Amino acid sequence: MKIYWTEEGLKRLDEIESYISRDNPGVAREFINKILDKVEILMNQPDIGRVVPELSIEKIREIIYKNYRIVYLVKAEHIEILTVFEGHKQLNREEIKTN
C-alpha cells in the first residue's frame, strides 16, 4: 500500500519539527525520521493502529509514537496520514478531511 500525507498532516509534522528545532535541530530531524519510520510500517500493516476513540470510525485509526498521535485513514488502495498531534489533546475534527 502507498502512503499519502494530507496538507494538514504535513503542516503538523513541520510544526513539530520547527518546535523541537528551537532547542536542537539534530534531535528534531531524528524525531521526525522516527515518526516517518513508524508511518512506513502501515504500508504492510494498515490495521495495526487502534480506531480513534473520538470518532469510532473503523477506517480512521491512529498509531502512537512517544507522546504523539498519528491519525490515518485506511482506503482500499492507499493510506492517508490525516494529522499528527500531541497525545494529551483531543482530536479536532475540523483538522481532518476524509474525502
PDB file of N, CA and C in Angstrom:
ATOM      1  N   MET A   1       0.832  -1.186   0.000  1.00  0.00           N
ATOM      2  CA  MET A   1       0.000   0.000   0.000  1.00  0.00           C
ATOM      3  C   MET A   1       0.875   1.247   0.000  1.00  0.00           C
ATOM      4  N   LYS A   2       0.396   2.236  -0.685  1.00  0.00           N
ATOM      5  CA  LYS A   2       1.092   3.520  -0.689  1.00  0.00           C
ATOM      6  C   LYS A   2       0.595   4.373   0.460  1.00  0.00           C
ATOM      7  N   ILE A   3       1.446   5.293   0.864  1.00  0.00           N
ATOM      8  CA  ILE A   3       1.086   6.231   1.916  1.00  0.00           C
ATOM      9  C   ILE A   3       1.137   7.639   1.346  1.00  0.00           C
ATOM     10  N   TYR A   4       0.071   8.389   1.607  1.00  0.00           N
ATOM     11  CA  TYR A   4      -0.004   9.790   1.202  1.00  0.00           C
ATOM     12  C   TYR A   4      -0.213  10.646   2.441  1.00  0.00           C
ATOM     13  N   TRP A   5       0.407  11.796   2.445  1.00  0.00           N
ATOM     14  CA  TRP A   5       0.235  12.754   3.532  1.00  0.00           C
ATOM     15  C   TRP A   5      -0.704  13.852   3.074  1.00  0.00           C
ATOM     16  N   THR A   6      -1.692  14.174   3.895  1.00  0.00           N
ATOM     17  CA  THR A   6      -2.568  15.305   3.597  1.00  0.00           C
ATOM     18  C   THR A   6      -1.814  16.600   3.904  1.00  0.00           C
ATOM     19  N   GLU A   7      -2.343  17.705   3.419  1.00  0.00           N
ATOM     20  CA  GLU A   7      -1.744  19.012   3.730  1.00  0.00           C
ATOM     21  C   GLU A   7      -1.694  19.232   5.233  1.00  0.00           C
ATOM     22  N   GLU A   8      -2.772  18.880   5.912  1.00  0.00           N
ATOM     23  CA  GLU A   8      -2.835  19.043   7.368  1.00  0.00           C
ATOM     24  C   GLU A   8      -1.761  18.198   8.047  1.00  0.00           C
ATOM     25  N   GLY A   9      -1.607  16.966   7.618  1.00  0.00           N
ATOM     26  CA  GLY A   9      -0.596  16.094   8.200  1.00  0.00           C
ATOM     27  C   GLY A   9       0.805  16.648   8.028  1.00  0.00           C
ATOM     28  N   LEU A  10       1.113  17.132   6.826  1.00  0.00           N
ATOM     29  CA  LEU A  10       2.432  17.709   6.553  1.00  0.00           C
ATOM     30  C   LEU A  10       2.651  18.992   7.348  1.00  0.00           C
ATOM     31  N   LYS A  11       1.606  19.790   7.452  1.00  0.00           N
ATOM     32  CA  LYS A  11       1.687  21.038   8.214  1.00  0.00           C
ATOM     33  C   LYS A  11       2.017  20.749   9.675  1.00  0.00           C
ATOM     34  N   ARG A  12       1.321  19.785  10.253  1.00  0.00           N
ATOM     35  CA  ARG A  12       1.552  19.432  11.658  1.00  0.00           C
ATOM     36  C   ARG A  12       2.957  18.856  11.867  1.00  0.00           C
ATOM     37  N   LEU A  13       3.403  18.035  10.938  1.00  0.00           N
ATOM     38  CA  LEU A  13       4.746  17.459  11.021  1.00  0.00           C
ATOM     39  C   LEU A  13       5.795  18.578  10.992  1.00  0.00           C
ATOM     40  N   ASP A  14       5.594  19.538  10.114  1.00  0.00           N
ATOM     41  CA  ASP A  14       6.505  20.679  10.011  1.00  0.00           C
ATOM     42  C   ASP A  14       6.499  21.505  11.301  1.00  0.00           C
ATOM     43  N   GLU A  15       5.336  21.699  11.884  1.00  0.00           N
ATOM     44  CA  GLU A  15       5.236  22.441  13.142  1.00  0.00           C
ATOM     45  C   GLU A  15       5.985  21.736  14.269  1.00  0.00           C
ATOM     46  N   ILE A  16       5.863  20.422  14.314  1.00  0.00           N
ATOM     47  CA  ILE A  16       6.572  19.640  15.336  1.00  0.00           C
ATOM     48  C   ILE A  16       8.080  19.797  15.159  1.00  0.00           C
ATOM     49  N   GLU A  17       8.537  19.661  13.918  1.00  0.00           N
ATOM     50  CA  GLU A  17       9.968  19.791  13.651  1.00  0.00           C
ATOM     51  C   GLU A  17      10.465  21.196  14.009  1.00  0.00           C
ATOM     52  N   SER A  18       9.720  22.213  13.642  1.00  0.00           N
ATOM     53  CA  SER A  18      10.115  23.592  13.953  1.00  0.00           C
ATOM     54  C   SER A  18      10.210  23.822  15.458  1.00  0.00           C
ATOM     55  N   TYR A  19       9.240  23.290  16.182  1.00  0.00           N
ATOM     56  CA  TYR A  19       9.221  23.467  17.629  1.00  0.00           C
ATOM     57  C   TYR A  19      10.443  22.802  18.282  1.00  0.00           C
ATOM     58  N   ILE A  20      10.721  21.570  17.923  1.00  0.00           N
ATOM     59  CA  ILE A  20      11.854  20.852  18.512  1.00  0.00           C
ATOM     60  C   ILE A  20      13.173  21.477  18.067  1.00  0.00           C
ATOM     61  N   SER A  21      13.216  21.995  16.845  1.00  0.00           N
ATOM     62  CA  SER A  21      14.440  22.594  16.296  1.00  0.00           C
ATOM     63  C   SER A  21      14.901  23.813  17.072  1.00  0.00           C
ATOM     64  N   ARG A  22      13.990  24.462  17.770  1.00  0.00           N
ATOM     65  CA  ARG A  22      14.383  25.635  18.562  1.00  0.00           C
ATOM     66  C   ARG A  22      15.471  25.278  19.559  1.00  0.00           C
ATOM     67  N   ASP A  23      15.376  24.068  20.110  1.00  0.00           N
ATOM     68  CA  ASP A  23      16.367  23.615  21.086  1.00  0.00           C
ATOM     69  C   ASP A  23      17.488  22.816  20.455  1.00  0.00           C
ATOM     70  N   ASN A  24      17.127  21.967  19.473  1.00  0.00           N
ATOM     71  CA  ASN A  24      18.142  21.087  18.906  1.00  0.00           C
ATOM     72  C   ASN A  24      17.711  20.586  17.523  1.00  0.00           C
ATOM     73  N   PRO A  25      18.212  21.190  16.450  1.00  0.00           N
ATOM     74  CA  PRO A  25      17.822  20.784  15.097  1.00  0.00           C
ATOM     75  C   PRO A  25      18.116  19.312  14.781  1.00  0.00           C
ATOM     76  N   GLY A  26      19.194  18.785  15.299  1.00  0.00           N
ATOM     77  CA  GLY A  26      19.536  17.387  15.054  1.00  0.00           C
ATOM     78  C   GLY A  26      18.526  16.437  15.664  1.00  0.00           C
ATOM     79  N   VAL A  27      18.135  16.736  16.874  1.00  0.00           N
ATOM     80  CA  VAL A  27      17.124  15.923  17.555  1.00  0.00           C
ATOM     81  C   VAL A  27      15.789  16.028  16.814  1.00  0.00           C
ATOM     82  N   ALA A  28      15.490  17.214  16.315  1.00  0.00           N
ATOM     83  CA  ALA A  28      14.235  17.409  15.577  1.00  0.00           C
ATOM     84  C   ALA A  28      14.196  16.530  14.336  1.00  0.00           C
ATOM     85  N   ARG A  29      15.270  16.521  13.570  1.00  0.00           N
ATOM     86  CA  ARG A  29      15.325  15.678  12.362  1.00  0.00           C
ATOM     87  C   ARG A  29      15.199  14.203  12.722  1.00  0.00           C
ATOM     88  N   GLU A  30      15.886  13.798  13.771  1.00  0.00           N
ATOM     89  CA  GLU A  30      15.825  12.402  14.209  1.00  0.00           C
ATOM     90  C   GLU A  30      14.408  12.027  14.651  1.00  0.00           C
ATOM     91  N   PHE A  31      13.754  12.916  15.368  1.00  0.00           N
ATOM     92  CA  PHE A  31      12.397  12.660  15.841  1.00  0.00           C
ATOM     93  C   PHE A  31      11.437  12.514  14.662  1.00  0.00           C
ATOM     94  N   ILE A  32      11.522  13.412  13.694  1.00  0.00           N
ATOM     95  CA  ILE A  32      10.662  13.338  12.513  1.00  0.00           C
ATOM     96  C   ILE A  32      10.939  12.063  11.736  1.00  0.00           C
ATOM     97  N   ASN A  33      12.203  11.687  11.620  1.00  0.00           N
ATOM     98  CA  ASN A  33      12.536  10.431  10.929  1.00  0.00           C
ATOM     99  C   ASN A  33      11.928   9.224  11.637  1.00  0.00           C
ATOM    100  N   LYS A  34      11.899   9.256  12.957  1.00  0.00           N
ATOM    101  CA  LYS A  34      11.280   8.154  13.710  1.00  0.00           C
ATOM    102  C   LYS A  34       9.771   8.102  13.449  1.00  0.00           C
ATOM    103  N   ILE A  35       9.133   9.261  13.369  1.00  0.00           N
ATOM    104  CA  ILE A  35       7.703   9.289  13.032  1.00  0.00           C
ATOM    105  C   ILE A  35       7.493   8.703  11.641  1.00  0.00           C
ATOM    106  N   LEU A  36       8.336   9.100  10.697  1.00  0.00           N
ATOM    107  CA  LEU A  36       8.220   8.587   9.326  1.00  0.00           C
ATOM    108  C   LEU A  36       8.441   7.076   9.279  1.00  0.00           C
ATOM    109  N   ASP A  37       9.383   6.580  10.075  1.00  0.00           N
ATOM    110  CA  ASP A  37       9.612   5.128  10.157  1.00  0.00           C
ATOM    111  C   ASP A  37       8.376   4.416  10.694  1.00  0.00           C
ATOM    112  N   LYS A  38       7.764   5.001  11.694  1.00  0.00           N
ATOM    113  CA  LYS A  38       6.553   4.415  12.297  1.00  0.00           C
ATOM    114  C   LYS A  38       5.426   4.364  11.260  1.00  0.00           C
ATOM    115  N   VAL A  39       5.283   5.438  10.491  1.00  0.00           N
ATOM    116  CA  VAL A  39       4.249   5.501   9.460  1.00  0.00           C
ATOM    117  C   VAL A  39       4.507   4.463   8.366  1.00  0.00           C
ATOM    118  N   GLU A  40       5.759   4.253   8.043  1.00  0.00           N
ATOM    119  CA  GLU A  40       6.116   3.299   6.984  1.00  0.00           C
ATOM    120  C   GLU A  40       5.626   1.877   7.295  1.00  0.00           C
ATOM    121  N   ILE A  41       5.538   1.532   8.547  1.00  0.00           N
ATOM    122  CA  ILE A  41       5.042   0.210   8.959  1.00  0.00           C
ATOM    123  C   ILE A  41       3.625  -0.016   8.439  1.00  0.00           C
ATOM    124  N   LEU A  42       2.869   1.067   8.312  1.00  0.00           N
ATOM    125  CA  LEU A  42       1.479   0.961   7.866  1.00  0.00           C
ATOM    126  C   LEU A  42       1.346   0.405   6.452  1.00  0.00           C
ATOM    127  N   MET A  43       2.382   0.528   5.646  1.00  0.00           N
ATOM    128  CA  MET A  43       2.319   0.013   4.267  1.00  0.00           C
ATOM    129  C   MET A  43       1.981  -1.478   4.254  1.00  0.00           C
ATOM    130  N   ASN A  44       2.513  -2.220   5.199  1.00  0.00           N
ATOM    131  CA  ASN A  44       2.286  -3.661   5.252  1.00  0.00           C
ATOM    132  C   ASN A  44       1.278  -4.074   6.321  1.00  0.00           C
ATOM    133  N   GLN A  45       1.009  -3.181   7.255  1.00  0.00           N
ATOM    134  CA  GLN A  45       0.087  -3.499   8.351  1.00  0.00           C
ATOM    135  C   GLN A  45      -0.852  -2.312   8.604  1.00  0.00           C
ATOM    136  N   PRO A  46      -1.727  -2.003   7.668  1.00  0.00           N
ATOM    137  CA  PRO A  46      -2.569  -0.808   7.809  1.00  0.00           C
ATOM    138  C   PRO A  46      -3.541  -0.837   8.989  1.00  0.00           C
ATOM    139  N   ASP A  47      -3.884  -1.999   9.462  1.00  0.00           N
ATOM    140  CA  ASP A  47      -4.839  -2.092  10.570  1.00  0.00           C
ATOM    141  C   ASP A  47      -4.169  -2.214  11.930  1.00  0.00           C
ATOM    142  N   ILE A  48      -2.863  -1.944  11.972  1.00  0.00           N
ATOM    143  CA  ILE A  48      -2.117  -2.101  13.224  1.00  0.00           C
ATOM    144  C   ILE A  48      -2.552  -1.089  14.288  1.00  0.00           C
ATOM    145  N   GLY A  49      -2.990   0.087  13.857  1.00  0.00           N
ATOM    146  CA  GLY A  49      -3.402   1.117  14.811  1.00  0.00           C
ATOM    147  C   GLY A  49      -4.792   0.878  15.353  1.00  0.00           C
ATOM    148  N   ARG A  50      -5.080   1.563  16.435  1.00  0.00           N
ATOM    149  CA  ARG A  50      -6.423   1.453  17.015  1.00  0.00           C
ATOM    150  C   ARG A  50      -7.365   2.453  16.346  1.00  0.00           C
ATOM    151  N   VAL A  51      -8.637   2.168  16.422  1.00  0.00           N
ATOM    152  CA  VAL A  51      -9.648   3.104  15.939  1.00  0.00           C
ATOM    153  C   VAL A  51      -9.587   4.338  16.842  1.00  0.00           C
ATOM    154  N   VAL A  52      -9.639   5.528  16.234  1.00  0.00           N
ATOM    155  CA  VAL A  52      -9.568   6.777  17.004  1.00  0.00           C
ATOM    156  C   VAL A  52     -10.801   6.864  17.906  1.00  0.00           C
ATOM    157  N   PRO A  53     -10.598   6.909  19.224  1.00  0.00           N
ATOM    158  CA  PRO A  53     -11.725   6.865  20.158  1.00  0.00           C
ATOM    159  C   PRO A  53     -12.740   7.990  19.969  1.00  0.00           C
ATOM    160  N   GLU A  54     -12.278   9.189  19.632  1.00  0.00           N
ATOM    161  CA  GLU A  54     -13.195  10.320  19.489  1.00  0.00           C
ATOM    162  C   GLU A  54     -14.144  10.158  18.310  1.00  0.00           C
ATOM    163  N   LEU A  55     -13.774   9.336  17.346  1.00  0.00           N
ATOM    164  CA  LEU A  55     -14.577   9.200  16.131  1.00  0.00           C
ATOM    165  C   LEU A  55     -15.314   7.870  16.025  1.00  0.00           C
ATOM    166  N   SER A  56     -14.695   6.808  16.491  1.00  0.00           N
ATOM    167  CA  SER A  56     -15.255   5.458  16.388  1.00  0.00           C
ATOM    168  C   SER A  56     -15.621   5.088  14.950  1.00  0.00           C
ATOM    169  N   ILE A  57     -14.753   5.456  14.022  1.00  0.00           N
ATOM    170  CA  ILE A  57     -14.921   5.103  12.611  1.00  0.00           C
ATOM    171  C   ILE A  57     -13.828   4.091  12.270  1.00  0.00           C
ATOM    172  N   GLU A  58     -14.229   2.908  11.850  1.00  0.00           N
ATOM    173  CA  GLU A  58     -13.302   1.793  11.644  1.00  0.00           C
ATOM    174  C   GLU A  58     -12.105   2.146  10.751  1.00  0.00           C
ATOM    175  N   LYS A  59     -12.295   2.929   9.746  1.00  0.00           N
ATOM    176  CA  LYS A  59     -11.228   3.227   8.781  1.00  0.00           C
ATOM    177  C   LYS A  59     -10.310   4.368   9.213  1.00  0.00           C
ATOM    178  N   ILE A  60     -10.668   5.078  10.288  1.00  0.00           N
ATOM    179  CA  ILE A  60      -9.800   6.143  10.795  1.00  0.00           C
ATOM    180  C   ILE A  60      -9.131   5.627  12.060  1.00  0.00           C
ATOM    181  N   ARG A  61      -7.826   5.459  11.958  1.00  0.00           N
ATOM    182  CA  ARG A  61      -7.055   4.808  13.015  1.00  0.00           C
ATOM    183  C   ARG A  61      -5.895   5.702  13.447  1.00  0.00           C
ATOM    184  N   GLU A  62      -5.213   5.258  14.481  1.00  0.00           N
ATOM    185  CA  GLU A  62      -4.046   6.008  14.933  1.00  0.00           C
ATOM    186  C   GLU A  62      -2.991   5.070  15.489  1.00  0.00           C
ATOM    187  N   ILE A  63      -1.761   5.518  15.316  1.00  0.00           N
ATOM    188  CA  ILE A  63      -0.633   4.876  15.971  1.00  0.00           C
ATOM    189  C   ILE A  63       0.021   5.946  16.837  1.00  0.00           C
ATOM    190  N   ILE A  64       0.726   5.501  17.836  1.00  0.00           N
ATOM    191  CA  ILE A  64       1.342   6.422  18.787  1.00  0.00           C
ATOM    192  C   ILE A  64       2.859   6.313  18.657  1.00  0.00           C
ATOM    193  N   TYR A  65       3.502   7.471  18.645  1.00  0.00           N
ATOM    194  CA  TYR A  65       4.964   7.497  18.764  1.00  0.00           C
ATOM    195  C   TYR A  65       5.312   8.518  19.834  1.00  0.00           C
ATOM    196  N   LYS A  66       5.993   8.054  20.862  1.00  0.00           N
ATOM    197  CA  LYS A  66       6.310   8.871  22.034  1.00  0.00           C
ATOM    198  C   LYS A  66       4.999   9.461  22.554  1.00  0.00           C
ATOM    199  N   ASN A  67       4.885  10.785  22.548  1.00  0.00           N
ATOM    200  CA  ASN A  67       3.645  11.392  23.041  1.00  0.00           C
ATOM    201  C   ASN A  67       2.835  12.013  21.897  1.00  0.00           C
ATOM    202  N   TYR A  68       2.985  11.467  20.688  1.00  0.00           N
ATOM    203  CA  TYR A  68       2.256  11.980  19.530  1.00  0.00           C
ATOM    204  C   TYR A  68       1.321  10.931  18.945  1.00  0.00           C
ATOM    205  N   ARG A  69       0.157  11.391  18.520  1.00  0.00           N
ATOM    206  CA  ARG A  69      -0.838  10.543  17.863  1.00  0.00           C
ATOM    207  C   ARG A  69      -0.745  10.793  16.357  1.00  0.00           C
ATOM    208  N   ILE A  70      -0.618   9.750  15.600  1.00  0.00           N
ATOM    209  CA  ILE A  70      -0.546   9.826  14.136  1.00  0.00           C
ATOM    210  C   ILE A  70      -1.850   9.228  13.619  1.00  0.00           C
ATOM    211  N   VAL A  71      -2.717  10.083  13.105  1.00  0.00           N
ATOM    212  CA  VAL A  71      -4.059   9.670  12.692  1.00  0.00           C
ATOM    213  C   VAL A  71      -4.061   9.450  11.181  1.00  0.00           C
ATOM    214  N   TYR A  72      -4.617   8.310  10.770  1.00  0.00           N
ATOM    215  CA  TYR A  72      -4.620   7.970   9.350  1.00  0.00           C
ATOM    216  C   TYR A  72      -5.937   7.339   8.925  1.00  0.00           C
ATOM    217  N   LEU A  73      -6.175   7.415   7.626  1.00  0.00           N
ATOM    218  CA  LEU A  73      -7.377   6.856   7.010  1.00  0.00           C
ATOM    219  C   LEU A  73      -6.965   5.701   6.117  1.00  0.00           C
ATOM    220  N   VAL A  74      -7.563   4.541   6.328  1.00  0.00           N
ATOM    221  CA  VAL A  74      -7.285   3.370   5.502  1.00  0.00           C
ATOM    222  C   VAL A  74      -8.276   3.350   4.344  1.00  0.00           C
ATOM    223  N   LYS A  75      -7.747   3.402   3.133  1.00  0.00           N
ATOM    224  CA  LYS A  75      -8.573   3.301   1.931  1.00  0.00           C
ATOM    225  C   LYS A  75      -8.204   1.998   1.222  1.00  0.00           C
ATOM    226  N   ALA A  76      -8.955   1.635   0.192  1.00  0.00           N
ATOM    227  CA  ALA A  76      -8.732   0.364  -0.497  1.00  0.00           C
ATOM    228  C   ALA A  76      -7.331   0.279  -1.104  1.00  0.00           C
ATOM    229  N   GLU A  77      -6.854   1.361  -1.684  1.00  0.00           N
ATOM    230  CA  GLU A  77      -5.591   1.337  -2.417  1.00  0.00           C
ATOM    231  C   GLU A  77      -4.432   2.016  -1.689  1.00  0.00           C
ATOM    232  N   HIS A  78      -4.737   2.831  -0.679  1.00  0.00           N
ATOM    233  CA  HIS A  78      -3.675   3.577  -0.017  1.00  0.00           C
ATOM    234  C   HIS A  78      -4.095   4.018   1.386  1.00  0.00           C
ATOM    235  N   ILE A  79      -3.143   4.647   2.059  1.00  0.00           N
ATOM    236  CA  ILE A  79      -3.353   5.182   3.401  1.00  0.00           C
ATOM    237  C   ILE A  79      -3.087   6.677   3.338  1.00  0.00           C
ATOM    238  N   GLU A  80      -3.938   7.459   3.993  1.00  0.00           N
ATOM    239  CA  GLU A  80      -3.738   8.900   4.074  1.00  0.00           C
ATOM    240  C   GLU A  80      -3.429   9.277   5.518  1.00  0.00           C
ATOM    241  N   ILE A  81      -2.307   9.940   5.714  1.00  0.00           N
ATOM    242  CA  ILE A  81      -1.980  10.451   7.041  1.00  0.00           C
ATOM    243  C   ILE A  81      -2.727  11.769   7.191  1.00  0.00           C
ATOM    244  N   LEU A  82      -3.661  11.799   8.121  1.00  0.00           N
ATOM    245  CA  LEU A  82      -4.555  12.945   8.267  1.00  0.00           C
ATOM    246  C   LEU A  82      -3.973  14.051   9.142  1.00  0.00           C
ATOM    247  N   THR A  83      -3.363  13.670  10.252  1.00  0.00           N
ATOM    248  CA  THR A  83      -2.789  14.659  11.163  1.00  0.00           C
ATOM    249  C   THR A  83      -1.862  13.972  12.157  1.00  0.00           C
ATOM    250  N   VAL A  84      -1.045  14.774  12.797  1.00  0.00           N
ATOM    251  CA  VAL A  84      -0.152  14.320  13.869  1.00  0.00           C
ATOM    252  C   VAL A  84      -0.257  15.378  14.966  1.00  0.00           C
ATOM    253  N   PHE A  85      -0.471  14.944  16.195  1.00  0.00           N
ATOM    254  CA  PHE A  85      -0.603  15.921  17.273  1.00  0.00           C
ATOM    255  C   PHE A  85      -0.256  15.286  18.610  1.00  0.00           C
ATOM    256  N   GLU A  86      -0.077  16.143  19.614  1.00  0.00           N
ATOM    257  CA  GLU A  86       0.296  15.669  20.941  1.00  0.00           C
ATOM    258  C   GLU A  86      -0.793  14.795  21.546  1.00  0.00           C
ATOM    259  N   GLY A  87      -0.372  13.707  22.132  1.00  0.00           N
ATOM    260  CA  GLY A  87      -1.294  12.691  22.623  1.00  0.00           C
ATOM    261  C   GLY A  87      -2.210  13.114  23.747  1.00  0.00           C
ATOM    262  N   HIS A  88      -1.880  14.155  24.486  1.00  0.00           N
ATOM    263  CA  HIS A  88      -2.745  14.587  25.590  1.00  0.00           C
ATOM    264  C   HIS A  88      -3.935  15.411  25.098  1.00  0.00           C
ATOM    265  N   LYS A  89      -3.931  15.761  23.818  1.00  0.00           N
ATOM    266  CA  LYS A  89      -5.024  16.560  23.251  1.00  0.00           C
ATOM    267  C   LYS A  89      -6.084  15.662  22.629  1.00  0.00           C
ATOM    268  N   GLN A  90      -7.280  16.210  22.510  1.00  0.00           N
ATOM    269  CA  GLN A  90      -8.361  15.541  21.793  1.00  0.00           C
ATOM    270  C   GLN A  90      -8.213  15.850  20.300  1.00  0.00           C
ATOM    271  N   LEU A  91      -8.666  14.950  19.462  1.00  0.00           N
ATOM    272  CA  LEU A  91      -8.651  15.170  18.028  1.00  0.00           C
ATOM    273  C   LEU A  91      -9.635  16.278  17.674  1.00  0.00           C
ATOM    274  N   ASN A  92      -9.170  17.254  16.929  1.00  0.00           N
ATOM    275  CA  ASN A  92     -10.023  18.326  16.434  1.00  0.00           C
ATOM    276  C   ASN A  92     -10.567  17.878  15.079  1.00  0.00           C
ATOM    277  N   ARG A  93     -11.835  17.557  15.025  1.00  0.00           N
ATOM    278  CA  ARG A  93     -12.452  17.022  13.802  1.00  0.00           C
ATOM    279  C   ARG A  93     -12.280  17.936  12.606  1.00  0.00           C
ATOM    280  N   GLU A  94     -12.205  19.244  12.834  1.00  0.00           N
ATOM    281  CA  GLU A  94     -12.064  20.191  11.732  1.00  0.00           C
ATOM    282  C   GLU A  94     -10.708  20.064  11.046  1.00  0.00           C
ATOM    283  N   GLU A  95      -9.734  19.479  11.729  1.00  0.00           N
ATOM    284  CA  GLU A  95      -8.391  19.332  11.153  1.00  0.00           C
ATOM    285  C   GLU A  95      -8.307  18.216  10.124  1.00  0.00           C
ATOM    286  N   ILE A  96      -9.245  17.314  10.160  1.00  0.00           N
ATOM    287  CA  ILE A  96      -9.143  16.174   9.245  1.00  0.00           C
ATOM    288  C   ILE A  96     -10.177  16.259   8.131  1.00  0.00           C
ATOM    289  N   LYS A  97      -9.708  15.950   6.954  1.00  0.00           N
ATOM    290  CA  LYS A  97     -10.585  15.903   5.777  1.00  0.00           C
ATOM    291  C   LYS A  97     -10.489  14.492   5.219  1.00  0.00           C
ATOM    292  N   THR A  98     -11.620  13.832   5.072  1.00  0.00           N
ATOM    293  CA  THR A  98     -11.628  12.432   4.663  1.00  0.00           C
ATOM    294  C   THR A  98     -12.358  12.239   3.356  1.00  0.00           C
ATOM    295  N   ASN A  99     -12.053  12.997   2.376  1.00  0.00           N
ATOM    296  CA  ASN A  99     -12.697  12.942   1.042  1.00  0.00           C
ATOM    297  C   ASN A  99     -13.586  11.747   0.877  1.00  0.00           C
TER     298      ASN A  99
END
